[in-house]
Amino acid sequence: SRAGMRVALLLLVLCASGALCGRKAKILDNVKDEVDNPSWSWGSNNAPKQLTLSRQPFHFHFNSQWTQLFNRCFKKQQGNYEYKFCPMHNVTQTDTSATWNPYSGVLGVYSHLDVEDGKVKGMIFSDGDRCGGRMRTTNVSLACGEKNEAVNAGEPDTCRYHVQFQTPLVCGALAELRNVLAPDYVQKWDQLQQDFQAQLLTAKGLAKKKKQLLEKAGVNFNADLLVAT
């Protein structure tokens, strides 16, 4: 009958959309964990909600050492909360103390590197889950360390989070902005420096070109680092 055909068609549409047939929504943590996943049972009452991003992480063009971090996540238990930092991807938080319906949310999606005095100091994550009238954001500070490790995490201000991450990638000269960029961007950077030294570019022209280059590379910039060094 026509009524039966309408019902069948409706079921097919719902199945394709994921509303039926058991299809899961996009999982935020679909990147490889640095440590084992927590033993959540997705069918139980104490399972965290499935998370989705408000947008895609912004692009980046870094060298191979940095891009190796892209598919890894690092966890830090701080009090009742587990923080998960996924470089160049996202930061999340889960309440591990709740026995029913634990809080789980997105604290930020990768935006850009934070640079100070020509050196990489951190990563900025914006557009996390809504928190009142604003979106959650996270500032990840990077410090020199023997291994990649999240050593501290917290919420210093309401809806504003901080993660401290140690990594050998920012030890000494490795933290210099030029040494973070992908090889083709390093060549462009060096060419700009050479053009400036050859007086083919003014200081203002050099700053403009560097700004454009860094924007394409997904790096935040200060006026100071745009000057010839």
N, C-alpha and C. Protein backbone atom coordinates (compact mmCIF):
# COMPACT_ATOMS: atom_id res chain seq x y z
N SER A 1 0.84 -1.19 0.00
CA SER A 1 0.00 0.00 0.00
C SER A 1 0.88 1.25 0.00
N ARG A 2 0.23 2.38 -0.35
CA ARG A 2 0.99 3.63 -0.36
C ARG A 2 1.47 4.01 1.03
N ALA A 3 0.62 3.74 2.05
CA ALA A 3 1.00 4.06 3.43
C ALA A 3 2.22 3.26 3.85
N GLY A 4 2.24 1.98 3.48
CA GLY A 4 3.38 1.13 3.81
C GLY A 4 4.64 1.59 3.11
N MET A 5 4.49 2.03 1.86
CA MET A 5 5.65 2.53 1.12
C MET A 5 6.19 3.80 1.76
N ARG A 6 5.29 4.68 2.26
CA ARG A 6 5.75 5.91 2.91
C ARG A 6 6.53 5.59 4.17
N VAL A 7 6.03 4.62 4.97
CA VAL A 7 6.73 4.23 6.21
C VAL A 7 8.11 3.67 5.88
N ALA A 8 8.18 2.81 4.87
CA ALA A 8 9.47 2.22 4.50
C ALA A 8 10.45 3.29 4.04
N LEU A 9 9.93 4.26 3.26
CA LEU A 9 10.78 5.33 2.78
C LEU A 9 11.29 6.18 3.93
N LEU A 10 10.42 6.47 4.91
CA LEU A 10 10.80 7.25 6.08
C LEU A 10 11.90 6.55 6.87
N LEU A 11 11.75 5.22 7.04
CA LEU A 11 12.76 4.45 7.78
C LEU A 11 14.11 4.51 7.07
N LEU A 12 14.09 4.44 5.74
CA LEU A 12 15.35 4.51 4.99
C LEU A 12 16.02 5.86 5.17
N VAL A 13 15.22 6.94 5.17
CA VAL A 13 15.78 8.28 5.36
C VAL A 13 16.39 8.41 6.75
N LEU A 14 15.68 7.95 7.78
CA LEU A 14 16.18 8.04 9.14
C LEU A 14 17.44 7.22 9.32
N CYS A 15 17.49 6.06 8.68
CA CYS A 15 18.68 5.22 8.76
C CYS A 15 19.87 5.91 8.12
N ALA A 16 19.65 6.51 6.97
CA ALA A 16 20.75 7.19 6.26
C ALA A 16 21.26 8.38 7.04
N SER A 17 20.37 9.04 7.79
CA SER A 17 20.79 10.21 8.55
C SER A 17 21.46 9.86 9.86
N GLY A 18 21.39 8.56 10.25
CA GLY A 18 22.02 8.15 11.50
C GLY A 18 21.07 8.16 12.67
N ALA A 19 19.82 8.58 12.47
CA ALA A 19 18.87 8.60 13.57
C ALA A 19 18.48 7.20 13.98
N LEU A 20 18.53 6.27 13.04
CA LEU A 20 18.25 4.87 13.32
C LEU A 20 19.43 4.04 12.84
N CYS A 21 19.29 2.72 12.95
CA CYS A 21 20.30 1.76 12.44
C CYS A 21 21.60 1.83 13.23
N GLY A 22 21.62 2.47 14.40
CA GLY A 22 22.77 2.42 15.28
C GLY A 22 23.97 3.22 14.85
N ARG A 23 23.86 4.09 13.84
CA ARG A 23 25.00 4.88 13.39
C ARG A 23 25.33 5.95 14.42
N LYS A 24 26.59 6.06 14.81
CA LYS A 24 27.02 7.03 15.81
C LYS A 24 27.29 8.38 15.17
N ALA A 25 27.08 9.42 15.95
CA ALA A 25 27.47 10.76 15.50
C ALA A 25 28.99 10.83 15.44
N LYS A 26 29.50 11.87 14.81
CA LYS A 26 30.95 12.02 14.69
C LYS A 26 31.59 12.06 16.07
N ILE A 27 32.56 11.19 16.30
CA ILE A 27 33.24 11.12 17.58
C ILE A 27 34.42 12.07 17.57
N LEU A 28 34.52 12.87 18.59
CA LEU A 28 35.62 13.82 18.69
C LEU A 28 36.95 13.10 18.84
N ASP A 29 36.98 12.07 19.69
CA ASP A 29 38.23 11.39 20.01
C ASP A 29 38.51 10.27 19.01
N ASN A 30 38.46 10.59 17.75
CA ASN A 30 38.74 9.57 16.73
C ASN A 30 40.19 9.60 16.30
N VAL A 31 41.05 10.13 17.19
CA VAL A 31 42.49 10.11 16.95
C VAL A 31 43.12 9.14 17.95
N LYS A 32 44.27 8.64 17.62
CA LYS A 32 44.94 7.64 18.45
C LYS A 32 45.35 8.24 19.78
N ASP A 33 44.99 7.55 20.88
CA ASP A 33 45.35 8.01 22.21
C ASP A 33 46.80 7.69 22.52
N GLU A 34 47.43 8.57 23.31
CA GLU A 34 48.78 8.30 23.78
C GLU A 34 48.75 7.19 24.83
N VAL A 35 47.66 7.14 25.59
CA VAL A 35 47.47 6.08 26.59
C VAL A 35 46.17 5.37 26.26
N ASP A 36 45.91 4.26 26.96
CA ASP A 36 44.72 3.48 26.67
C ASP A 36 43.45 4.28 26.91
N ASN A 37 42.43 3.99 26.12
CA ASN A 37 41.15 4.65 26.31
C ASN A 37 40.54 4.25 27.65
N PRO A 38 39.79 5.14 28.32
CA PRO A 38 39.10 4.75 29.53
C PRO A 38 38.05 3.71 29.21
N SER A 39 37.74 2.86 30.18
CA SER A 39 36.84 1.73 29.93
C SER A 39 35.39 2.16 30.06
N TRP A 40 34.96 3.10 29.23
CA TRP A 40 33.56 3.50 29.23
C TRP A 40 32.74 2.46 28.47
N SER A 41 31.55 2.20 28.96
CA SER A 41 30.61 1.36 28.24
C SER A 41 29.55 2.27 27.64
N TRP A 42 29.56 2.38 26.33
CA TRP A 42 28.69 3.36 25.68
C TRP A 42 27.22 3.06 25.87
N GLY A 43 26.88 1.87 26.30
CA GLY A 43 25.48 1.56 26.52
C GLY A 43 25.03 1.78 27.95
N SER A 44 25.94 2.17 28.83
CA SER A 44 25.59 2.32 30.24
C SER A 44 25.21 3.75 30.57
N ASN A 45 24.62 3.93 31.75
CA ASN A 45 24.17 5.25 32.17
C ASN A 45 25.32 6.19 32.52
N ASN A 46 26.49 5.62 32.85
CA ASN A 46 27.61 6.47 33.25
C ASN A 46 28.56 6.75 32.09
N ALA A 47 28.12 6.49 30.87
CA ALA A 47 28.97 6.75 29.70
C ALA A 47 28.95 8.23 29.36
N PRO A 48 30.11 8.81 29.02
CA PRO A 48 30.12 10.21 28.60
C PRO A 48 29.43 10.37 27.26
N LYS A 49 28.89 11.56 27.02
CA LYS A 49 28.21 11.80 25.77
C LYS A 49 29.21 11.80 24.62
N GLN A 50 28.72 11.50 23.44
CA GLN A 50 29.56 11.56 22.26
C GLN A 50 29.72 13.03 21.86
N LEU A 51 30.96 13.40 21.60
CA LEU A 51 31.27 14.81 21.37
C LEU A 51 31.48 15.10 19.89
N THR A 52 31.13 16.30 19.51
CA THR A 52 31.38 16.76 18.15
C THR A 52 32.01 18.14 18.21
N LEU A 53 32.75 18.49 17.18
CA LEU A 53 33.41 19.79 17.11
C LEU A 53 32.49 20.83 16.50
N SER A 54 32.62 22.07 16.95
CA SER A 54 31.83 23.16 16.38
C SER A 54 32.34 23.55 14.99
N ARG A 55 33.59 23.18 14.71
CA ARG A 55 34.20 23.46 13.41
C ARG A 55 35.39 22.53 13.24
N GLN A 56 35.98 22.53 12.07
CA GLN A 56 37.20 21.76 11.82
C GLN A 56 38.40 22.51 12.42
N PRO A 57 39.42 21.79 12.90
CA PRO A 57 40.65 22.46 13.34
C PRO A 57 41.26 23.25 12.19
N PHE A 58 41.83 24.42 12.48
CA PHE A 58 42.44 25.23 11.44
C PHE A 58 43.68 24.53 10.89
N HIS A 59 44.01 24.85 9.66
CA HIS A 59 45.13 24.20 8.97
C HIS A 59 46.46 24.62 9.59
N PHE A 60 47.49 23.84 9.32
CA PHE A 60 48.84 24.17 9.77
C PHE A 60 49.84 23.56 8.81
N HIS A 61 51.01 24.18 8.74
CA HIS A 61 52.09 23.68 7.87
C HIS A 61 53.38 23.70 8.68
N PHE A 62 53.55 22.64 9.49
CA PHE A 62 54.73 22.52 10.34
C PHE A 62 55.61 21.38 9.85
N ASN A 63 56.80 21.26 10.44
CA ASN A 63 57.71 20.21 10.00
C ASN A 63 57.25 18.83 10.48
N SER A 64 57.95 17.79 10.03
CA SER A 64 57.51 16.42 10.29
C SER A 64 57.50 16.08 11.77
N GLN A 65 58.39 16.66 12.56
CA GLN A 65 58.40 16.38 14.00
C GLN A 65 57.11 16.86 14.66
N TRP A 66 56.65 18.02 14.23
CA TRP A 66 55.41 18.56 14.80
C TRP A 66 54.19 17.80 14.30
N THR A 67 54.18 17.47 13.02
CA THR A 67 53.01 16.79 12.49
C THR A 67 52.85 15.38 13.06
N GLN A 68 53.92 14.81 13.59
CA GLN A 68 53.82 13.50 14.24
C GLN A 68 52.93 13.55 15.48
N LEU A 69 52.76 14.73 16.05
CA LEU A 69 51.90 14.88 17.22
C LEU A 69 50.43 14.93 16.85
N PHE A 70 50.13 15.14 15.58
CA PHE A 70 48.76 15.42 15.17
C PHE A 70 47.80 14.29 15.50
N ASN A 71 48.22 13.04 15.35
CA ASN A 71 47.33 11.90 15.59
C ASN A 71 47.52 11.29 16.97
N ARG A 72 47.96 12.10 17.91
CA ARG A 72 48.18 11.62 19.28
C ARG A 72 47.44 12.52 20.27
N CYS A 73 47.04 11.93 21.38
CA CYS A 73 46.40 12.69 22.45
C CYS A 73 47.11 12.39 23.77
N PHE A 74 47.08 13.36 24.67
CA PHE A 74 47.78 13.23 25.95
C PHE A 74 46.80 13.60 27.08
N LYS A 75 46.70 12.70 28.05
CA LYS A 75 45.72 12.87 29.12
C LYS A 75 46.37 13.34 30.42
N LYS A 76 45.62 14.13 31.17
CA LYS A 76 46.07 14.58 32.48
C LYS A 76 44.89 14.57 33.43
N GLN A 77 44.99 13.77 34.48
CA GLN A 77 43.96 13.75 35.51
C GLN A 77 44.23 14.86 36.51
N GLN A 78 43.28 15.74 36.68
CA GLN A 78 43.43 16.85 37.61
C GLN A 78 42.17 16.91 38.46
N GLY A 79 42.28 16.50 39.71
CA GLY A 79 41.11 16.44 40.57
C GLY A 79 40.10 15.44 40.04
N ASN A 80 38.87 15.89 39.87
CA ASN A 80 37.80 15.00 39.38
C ASN A 80 37.70 14.98 37.86
N TYR A 81 38.59 15.68 37.19
CA TYR A 81 38.46 15.81 35.74
C TYR A 81 39.66 15.23 35.00
N GLU A 82 39.35 14.60 33.89
CA GLU A 82 40.38 14.14 32.98
C GLU A 82 40.41 15.08 31.77
N TYR A 83 41.56 15.67 31.54
CA TYR A 83 41.76 16.54 30.39
C TYR A 83 42.47 15.76 29.31
N LYS A 84 42.05 15.95 28.08
CA LYS A 84 42.70 15.30 26.95
C LYS A 84 43.12 16.39 25.95
N PHE A 85 44.42 16.47 25.72
CA PHE A 85 45.00 17.44 24.80
C PHE A 85 45.47 16.73 23.55
N CYS A 86 44.89 17.08 22.42
CA CYS A 86 45.26 16.50 21.14
C CYS A 86 45.87 17.61 20.29
N PRO A 87 47.20 17.68 20.20
CA PRO A 87 47.86 18.79 19.50
C PRO A 87 47.32 19.03 18.10
N MET A 88 47.12 20.31 17.77
CA MET A 88 46.60 20.74 16.47
C MET A 88 45.23 20.15 16.16
N HIS A 89 44.52 19.72 17.20
CA HIS A 89 43.19 19.16 16.97
C HIS A 89 42.16 19.70 17.96
N ASN A 90 42.21 19.29 19.22
CA ASN A 90 41.20 19.72 20.17
C ASN A 90 41.63 19.43 21.61
N VAL A 91 40.89 20.00 22.56
CA VAL A 91 41.06 19.72 23.99
C VAL A 91 39.68 19.38 24.55
N THR A 92 39.61 18.32 25.36
CA THR A 92 38.34 17.91 25.95
C THR A 92 38.50 17.70 27.45
N GLN A 93 37.37 17.61 28.13
CA GLN A 93 37.35 17.41 29.58
C GLN A 93 36.23 16.44 29.92
N THR A 94 36.50 15.51 30.84
CA THR A 94 35.50 14.55 31.29
C THR A 94 35.53 14.45 32.80
N ASP A 95 34.36 14.48 33.41
CA ASP A 95 34.23 14.30 34.86
C ASP A 95 34.32 12.81 35.15
N THR A 96 35.39 12.38 35.80
CA THR A 96 35.60 10.96 36.07
C THR A 96 35.07 10.53 37.44
N SER A 97 34.52 11.48 38.20
CA SER A 97 34.02 11.16 39.54
C SER A 97 32.53 10.86 39.56
N ALA A 98 31.81 11.32 38.55
CA ALA A 98 30.35 11.15 38.54
C ALA A 98 29.99 9.69 38.32
N THR A 99 28.98 9.23 39.03
CA THR A 99 28.52 7.85 38.89
C THR A 99 27.37 7.73 37.90
N TRP A 100 26.81 8.88 37.51
CA TRP A 100 25.72 8.85 36.53
C TRP A 100 25.77 10.11 35.68
N ASN A 101 25.66 9.95 34.39
CA ASN A 101 25.62 11.07 33.45
C ASN A 101 26.78 12.05 33.66
N PRO A 102 28.02 11.60 33.55
CA PRO A 102 29.17 12.48 33.80
C PRO A 102 29.29 13.57 32.74
N TYR A 103 29.80 14.74 33.17
CA TYR A 103 30.02 15.83 32.21
C TYR A 103 31.17 15.47 31.29
N SER A 104 31.01 15.76 30.01
CA SER A 104 32.08 15.60 29.04
C SER A 104 31.88 16.66 27.98
N GLY A 105 32.93 17.45 27.69
CA GLY A 105 32.75 18.54 26.76
C GLY A 105 34.02 18.93 26.04
N VAL A 106 33.85 19.74 25.01
CA VAL A 106 34.95 20.25 24.20
C VAL A 106 35.40 21.59 24.77
N LEU A 107 36.67 21.69 25.11
CA LEU A 107 37.21 22.92 25.69
C LEU A 107 37.84 23.83 24.64
N GLY A 108 37.93 23.36 23.41
CA GLY A 108 38.49 24.19 22.36
C GLY A 108 38.93 23.37 21.17
N VAL A 109 38.89 24.01 19.99
CA VAL A 109 39.36 23.42 18.74
C VAL A 109 40.59 24.19 18.29
N TYR A 110 41.56 23.50 17.73
CA TYR A 110 42.83 24.15 17.39
C TYR A 110 42.63 25.38 16.52
N SER A 111 43.28 26.47 16.92
CA SER A 111 43.24 27.72 16.17
C SER A 111 44.60 28.06 15.58
N HIS A 112 45.64 28.21 16.44
CA HIS A 112 46.96 28.60 15.93
C HIS A 112 48.02 28.43 17.01
N LEU A 113 49.27 28.51 16.59
CA LEU A 113 50.39 28.55 17.52
C LEU A 113 50.47 29.95 18.12
N ASP A 114 50.93 30.02 19.34
CA ASP A 114 51.18 31.31 19.99
C ASP A 114 52.68 31.54 19.99
N VAL A 115 53.10 32.67 19.46
CA VAL A 115 54.52 32.97 19.30
C VAL A 115 54.87 34.25 20.05
N GLU A 116 55.99 34.21 20.74
CA GLU A 116 56.47 35.38 21.48
C GLU A 116 57.98 35.51 21.29
N ASP A 117 58.42 36.71 20.90
CA ASP A 117 59.85 36.96 20.67
C ASP A 117 60.46 35.95 19.70
N GLY A 118 59.68 35.58 18.68
CA GLY A 118 60.20 34.70 17.65
C GLY A 118 60.25 33.24 18.02
N LYS A 119 59.69 32.86 19.17
CA LYS A 119 59.70 31.46 19.60
C LYS A 119 58.28 30.99 19.92
N VAL A 120 58.06 29.70 19.65
CA VAL A 120 56.75 29.12 19.92
C VAL A 120 56.58 28.92 21.42
N LYS A 121 55.50 29.48 21.95
CA LYS A 121 55.25 29.42 23.38
C LYS A 121 54.03 28.57 23.74
N GLY A 122 53.14 28.36 22.74
CA GLY A 122 51.94 27.61 23.08
C GLY A 122 51.03 27.40 21.89
N MET A 123 49.86 26.85 22.17
CA MET A 123 48.81 26.64 21.18
C MET A 123 47.51 27.22 21.72
N ILE A 124 46.73 27.81 20.83
CA ILE A 124 45.46 28.40 21.21
C ILE A 124 44.33 27.56 20.62
N PHE A 125 43.37 27.22 21.48
CA PHE A 125 42.19 26.45 21.08
C PHE A 125 40.95 27.27 21.38
N SER A 126 40.11 27.48 20.39
CA SER A 126 38.92 28.31 20.55
C SER A 126 37.68 27.54 20.12
N ASP A 127 36.51 28.19 20.26
CA ASP A 127 35.24 27.65 19.77
C ASP A 127 34.90 26.29 20.37
N GLY A 128 35.15 26.16 21.69
CA GLY A 128 34.71 24.96 22.38
C GLY A 128 33.22 25.00 22.65
N ASP A 129 32.74 24.12 23.51
CA ASP A 129 31.32 24.10 23.85
C ASP A 129 30.89 25.43 24.46
N ARG A 130 29.63 25.77 24.26
CA ARG A 130 29.11 27.03 24.80
C ARG A 130 29.11 27.00 26.32
N CYS A 131 29.46 28.13 26.90
CA CYS A 131 29.52 28.27 28.36
C CYS A 131 28.86 29.60 28.70
N GLY A 132 27.57 29.57 28.97
CA GLY A 132 26.84 30.81 29.17
C GLY A 132 26.73 31.54 27.85
N GLY A 133 27.22 32.77 27.82
CA GLY A 133 27.14 33.56 26.60
C GLY A 133 28.40 33.53 25.77
N ARG A 134 29.34 32.64 26.04
CA ARG A 134 30.58 32.57 25.27
C ARG A 134 30.99 31.13 25.06
N MET A 135 32.01 30.96 24.24
CA MET A 135 32.52 29.63 23.93
C MET A 135 33.75 29.34 24.79
N ARG A 136 33.93 28.10 25.16
CA ARG A 136 35.09 27.70 25.96
C ARG A 136 36.37 27.81 25.11
N THR A 137 37.45 28.23 25.75
CA THR A 137 38.74 28.33 25.08
C THR A 137 39.83 27.74 25.98
N THR A 138 40.91 27.31 25.36
CA THR A 138 42.03 26.73 26.11
C THR A 138 43.35 27.27 25.58
N ASN A 139 44.20 27.66 26.50
CA ASN A 139 45.56 28.09 26.18
C ASN A 139 46.50 26.98 26.63
N VAL A 140 47.23 26.39 25.70
CA VAL A 140 48.20 25.34 26.02
C VAL A 140 49.59 25.96 25.99
N SER A 141 50.25 25.98 27.13
CA SER A 141 51.62 26.49 27.18
C SER A 141 52.59 25.34 26.96
N LEU A 142 53.64 25.61 26.17
CA LEU A 142 54.63 24.60 25.82
C LEU A 142 55.94 24.90 26.52
N ALA A 143 56.52 23.87 27.14
CA ALA A 143 57.80 24.02 27.83
C ALA A 143 58.72 22.88 27.44
N CYS A 144 60.01 23.13 27.49
CA CYS A 144 61.00 22.12 27.15
C CYS A 144 60.94 20.95 28.12
N GLY A 145 60.95 19.74 27.59
CA GLY A 145 60.94 18.54 28.42
C GLY A 145 61.54 17.38 27.66
N GLU A 146 61.94 16.33 28.38
CA GLU A 146 62.58 15.17 27.75
C GLU A 146 61.60 14.35 26.92
N LYS A 147 60.31 14.41 27.27
CA LYS A 147 59.31 13.64 26.53
C LYS A 147 58.02 14.45 26.41
N ASN A 148 57.15 14.02 25.51
CA ASN A 148 55.86 14.67 25.34
C ASN A 148 54.94 14.26 26.48
N GLU A 149 54.50 15.25 27.24
CA GLU A 149 53.71 14.92 28.43
C GLU A 149 52.89 16.13 28.89
N ALA A 150 51.60 15.90 29.15
CA ALA A 150 50.75 16.92 29.77
C ALA A 150 51.01 16.86 31.27
N VAL A 151 51.51 17.94 31.85
CA VAL A 151 51.94 17.91 33.25
C VAL A 151 50.98 18.65 34.17
N ASN A 152 50.10 19.47 33.61
CA ASN A 152 49.17 20.21 34.46
C ASN A 152 47.98 20.66 33.62
N ALA A 153 46.84 20.85 34.26
CA ALA A 153 45.64 21.32 33.57
C ALA A 153 44.69 21.90 34.59
N GLY A 154 43.88 22.84 34.16
CA GLY A 154 42.92 23.45 35.07
C GLY A 154 42.07 24.51 34.40
N GLU A 155 41.26 25.18 35.22
CA GLU A 155 40.36 26.23 34.77
C GLU A 155 40.61 27.48 35.60
N PRO A 156 41.64 28.27 35.25
CA PRO A 156 41.99 29.45 36.05
C PRO A 156 40.88 30.50 36.07
N ASP A 157 40.12 30.61 34.99
CA ASP A 157 38.98 31.51 34.91
C ASP A 157 37.79 30.75 34.35
N THR A 158 36.60 31.20 34.68
CA THR A 158 35.39 30.52 34.23
C THR A 158 35.38 30.36 32.71
N CYS A 159 35.28 29.13 32.28
CA CYS A 159 35.20 28.78 30.86
C CYS A 159 36.51 29.04 30.11
N ARG A 160 37.57 29.35 30.83
CA ARG A 160 38.89 29.59 30.24
C ARG A 160 39.86 28.58 30.86
N TYR A 161 40.42 27.72 30.03
CA TYR A 161 41.21 26.59 30.53
C TYR A 161 42.68 26.73 30.16
N HIS A 162 43.50 25.98 30.88
CA HIS A 162 44.94 26.02 30.63
C HIS A 162 45.52 24.61 30.77
N VAL A 163 46.36 24.25 29.82
CA VAL A 163 47.08 22.98 29.86
C VAL A 163 48.56 23.28 29.72
N GLN A 164 49.37 22.66 30.57
CA GLN A 164 50.82 22.80 30.46
C GLN A 164 51.38 21.51 29.87
N PHE A 165 52.09 21.66 28.76
CA PHE A 165 52.58 20.51 28.02
C PHE A 165 54.09 20.62 27.84
N GLN A 166 54.80 19.55 28.20
CA GLN A 166 56.24 19.51 28.01
C GLN A 166 56.57 18.69 26.77
N THR A 167 57.55 19.17 26.01
CA THR A 167 57.93 18.48 24.78
C THR A 167 59.35 18.87 24.39
N PRO A 168 60.11 17.94 23.83
CA PRO A 168 61.45 18.28 23.34
C PRO A 168 61.42 19.18 22.11
N LEU A 169 60.24 19.39 21.51
CA LEU A 169 60.13 20.18 20.29
C LEU A 169 60.34 21.67 20.51
N VAL A 170 60.32 22.11 21.77
CA VAL A 170 60.54 23.54 22.03
C VAL A 170 61.80 23.77 22.87
N CYS A 171 62.70 22.82 22.85
CA CYS A 171 63.96 22.97 23.59
C CYS A 171 64.97 23.76 22.74
N GLY A 172 65.52 24.81 23.31
CA GLY A 172 66.55 25.58 22.65
C GLY A 172 66.10 26.16 21.32
N ALA A 173 66.95 26.01 20.31
CA ALA A 173 66.69 26.59 18.99
C ALA A 173 65.50 25.94 18.29
N LEU A 174 65.08 24.76 18.74
CA LEU A 174 63.94 24.10 18.10
C LEU A 174 62.66 24.91 18.24
N ALA A 175 62.60 25.76 19.25
CA ALA A 175 61.40 26.57 19.49
C ALA A 175 61.33 27.77 18.57
N GLU A 176 62.43 28.09 17.88
CA GLU A 176 62.42 29.24 16.99
C GLU A 176 61.44 28.99 15.85
N LEU A 177 60.68 30.02 15.53
CA LEU A 177 59.59 29.88 14.58
C LEU A 177 60.04 29.26 13.26
N ARG A 178 61.16 29.70 12.74
CA ARG A 178 61.65 29.18 11.46
C ARG A 178 61.82 27.67 11.51
N ASN A 179 62.23 27.13 12.66
CA ASN A 179 62.51 25.70 12.79
C ASN A 179 61.26 24.87 13.01
N VAL A 180 60.12 25.52 13.12
CA VAL A 180 58.85 24.82 13.29
C VAL A 180 58.15 24.62 11.95
N LEU A 181 58.39 25.54 11.03
CA LEU A 181 57.68 25.53 9.76
C LEU A 181 58.07 24.34 8.88
N ALA A 182 57.17 23.98 7.98
CA ALA A 182 57.44 22.93 7.00
C ALA A 182 58.56 23.39 6.08
N PRO A 183 59.33 22.45 5.48
CA PRO A 183 60.50 22.81 4.67
C PRO A 183 60.22 23.84 3.57
N ASP A 184 59.08 23.72 2.87
CA ASP A 184 58.81 24.67 1.80
C ASP A 184 58.56 26.08 2.34
N TYR A 185 58.02 26.15 3.56
CA TYR A 185 57.82 27.46 4.19
C TYR A 185 59.13 28.03 4.71
N VAL A 186 60.04 27.15 5.14
CA VAL A 186 61.37 27.60 5.56
C VAL A 186 62.09 28.24 4.37
N GLN A 187 61.98 27.63 3.21
CA GLN A 187 62.61 28.19 2.01
C GLN A 187 62.05 29.56 1.68
N LYS A 188 60.75 29.71 1.79
CA LYS A 188 60.12 31.00 1.52
C LYS A 188 60.55 32.04 2.55
N TRP A 189 60.65 31.60 3.81
CA TRP A 189 61.09 32.49 4.89
C TRP A 189 62.51 32.99 4.63
N ASP A 190 63.40 32.05 4.29
CA ASP A 190 64.80 32.41 4.03
C ASP A 190 64.92 33.32 2.81
N GLN A 191 64.08 33.08 1.80
CA GLN A 191 64.11 33.92 0.61
C GLN A 191 63.70 35.35 0.94
N LEU A 192 62.73 35.50 1.80
CA LEU A 192 62.31 36.84 2.24
C LEU A 192 63.46 37.54 2.96
N GLN A 193 64.17 36.78 3.80
CA GLN A 193 65.31 37.37 4.52
C GLN A 193 66.39 37.81 3.53
N GLN A 194 66.65 36.98 2.53
CA GLN A 194 67.66 37.31 1.53
C GLN A 194 67.25 38.55 0.72
N ASP A 195 65.98 38.62 0.38
CA ASP A 195 65.49 39.79 -0.37
C ASP A 195 65.62 41.06 0.45
N PHE A 196 65.41 40.93 1.74
CA PHE A 196 65.55 42.10 2.62
C PHE A 196 67.01 42.53 2.71
N GLN A 197 67.91 41.56 2.88
CA GLN A 197 69.33 41.86 2.96
C GLN A 197 69.84 42.48 1.66
N ALA A 198 69.24 42.06 0.55
CA ALA A 198 69.64 42.60 -0.75
C ALA A 198 68.91 43.90 -1.07
N GLN A 199 68.16 44.39 -0.09
CA GLN A 199 67.41 45.64 -0.22
C GLN A 199 66.35 45.58 -1.32
N LEU A 200 65.88 44.37 -1.57
CA LEU A 200 64.76 44.19 -2.50
C LEU A 200 63.42 44.37 -1.79
N LEU A 201 63.47 44.32 -0.48
CA LEU A 201 62.29 44.54 0.35
C LEU A 201 62.62 45.54 1.43
N THR A 202 61.69 46.42 1.72
CA THR A 202 61.84 47.31 2.87
C THR A 202 61.43 46.55 4.12
N ALA A 203 61.71 47.11 5.28
CA ALA A 203 61.30 46.48 6.53
C ALA A 203 59.79 46.30 6.57
N LYS A 204 59.07 47.30 6.07
CA LYS A 204 57.61 47.21 6.03
C LYS A 204 57.16 46.12 5.06
N GLY A 205 57.83 46.04 3.91
CA GLY A 205 57.50 45.00 2.93
C GLY A 205 57.79 43.62 3.45
N LEU A 206 58.92 43.48 4.18
CA LEU A 206 59.28 42.20 4.77
C LEU A 206 58.22 41.76 5.79
N ALA A 207 57.79 42.71 6.63
CA ALA A 207 56.79 42.40 7.65
C ALA A 207 55.49 41.94 7.00
N LYS A 208 55.09 42.60 5.91
CA LYS A 208 53.86 42.23 5.22
C LYS A 208 53.96 40.83 4.63
N LYS A 209 55.10 40.52 3.98
CA LYS A 209 55.28 39.21 3.37
C LYS A 209 55.34 38.10 4.42
N LYS A 210 56.02 38.38 5.52
CA LYS A 210 56.09 37.38 6.60
C LYS A 210 54.71 37.13 7.20
N LYS A 211 53.95 38.20 7.35
CA LYS A 211 52.60 38.06 7.88
C LYS A 211 51.77 37.14 7.01
N GLN A 212 51.84 37.36 5.71
CA GLN A 212 51.08 36.53 4.77
C GLN A 212 51.54 35.08 4.82
N LEU A 213 52.87 34.89 4.92
CA LEU A 213 53.42 33.53 4.97
C LEU A 213 52.97 32.81 6.24
N LEU A 214 53.01 33.50 7.37
CA LEU A 214 52.65 32.88 8.64
C LEU A 214 51.16 32.58 8.71
N GLU A 215 50.35 33.44 8.12
CA GLU A 215 48.91 33.18 8.09
C GLU A 215 48.62 31.88 7.33
N LYS A 216 49.32 31.69 6.22
CA LYS A 216 49.14 30.47 5.44
C LYS A 216 49.63 29.25 6.21
N ALA A 217 50.65 29.44 7.04
CA ALA A 217 51.21 28.33 7.81
C ALA A 217 50.41 28.02 9.07
N GLY A 218 49.43 28.86 9.40
CA GLY A 218 48.60 28.64 10.58
C GLY A 218 49.27 29.06 11.87
N VAL A 219 50.09 30.12 11.80
CA VAL A 219 50.83 30.59 12.97
C VAL A 219 50.36 31.99 13.36
N ASN A 220 50.15 32.21 14.64
CA ASN A 220 49.88 33.56 15.12
C ASN A 220 51.18 34.33 15.11
N PHE A 221 51.12 35.64 15.12
CA PHE A 221 52.35 36.41 15.02
C PHE A 221 52.26 37.71 15.82
N ASN A 222 53.42 38.16 16.29
CA ASN A 222 53.56 39.45 16.92
C ASN A 222 54.33 40.36 15.98
N ALA A 223 54.19 41.64 16.14
CA ALA A 223 54.91 42.58 15.29
C ALA A 223 56.42 42.37 15.39
N ASP A 224 56.88 42.01 16.58
CA ASP A 224 58.33 41.87 16.80
C ASP A 224 58.95 40.80 15.91
N LEU A 225 58.24 39.68 15.71
CA LEU A 225 58.88 38.57 14.99
C LEU A 225 58.85 38.80 13.48
N LEU A 226 58.17 39.85 13.03
CA LEU A 226 58.12 40.14 11.60
C LEU A 226 59.32 40.96 11.15
N VAL A 227 60.12 41.43 12.09
CA VAL A 227 61.31 42.22 11.77
C VAL A 227 62.43 41.30 11.37
N ALA A 228 63.29 41.74 10.50
CA ALA A 228 64.41 40.90 10.04
C ALA A 228 65.29 40.51 11.22
N THR A 229 65.61 39.22 11.29
CA THR A 229 66.49 38.73 12.37
C THR A 229 67.58 37.85 11.75
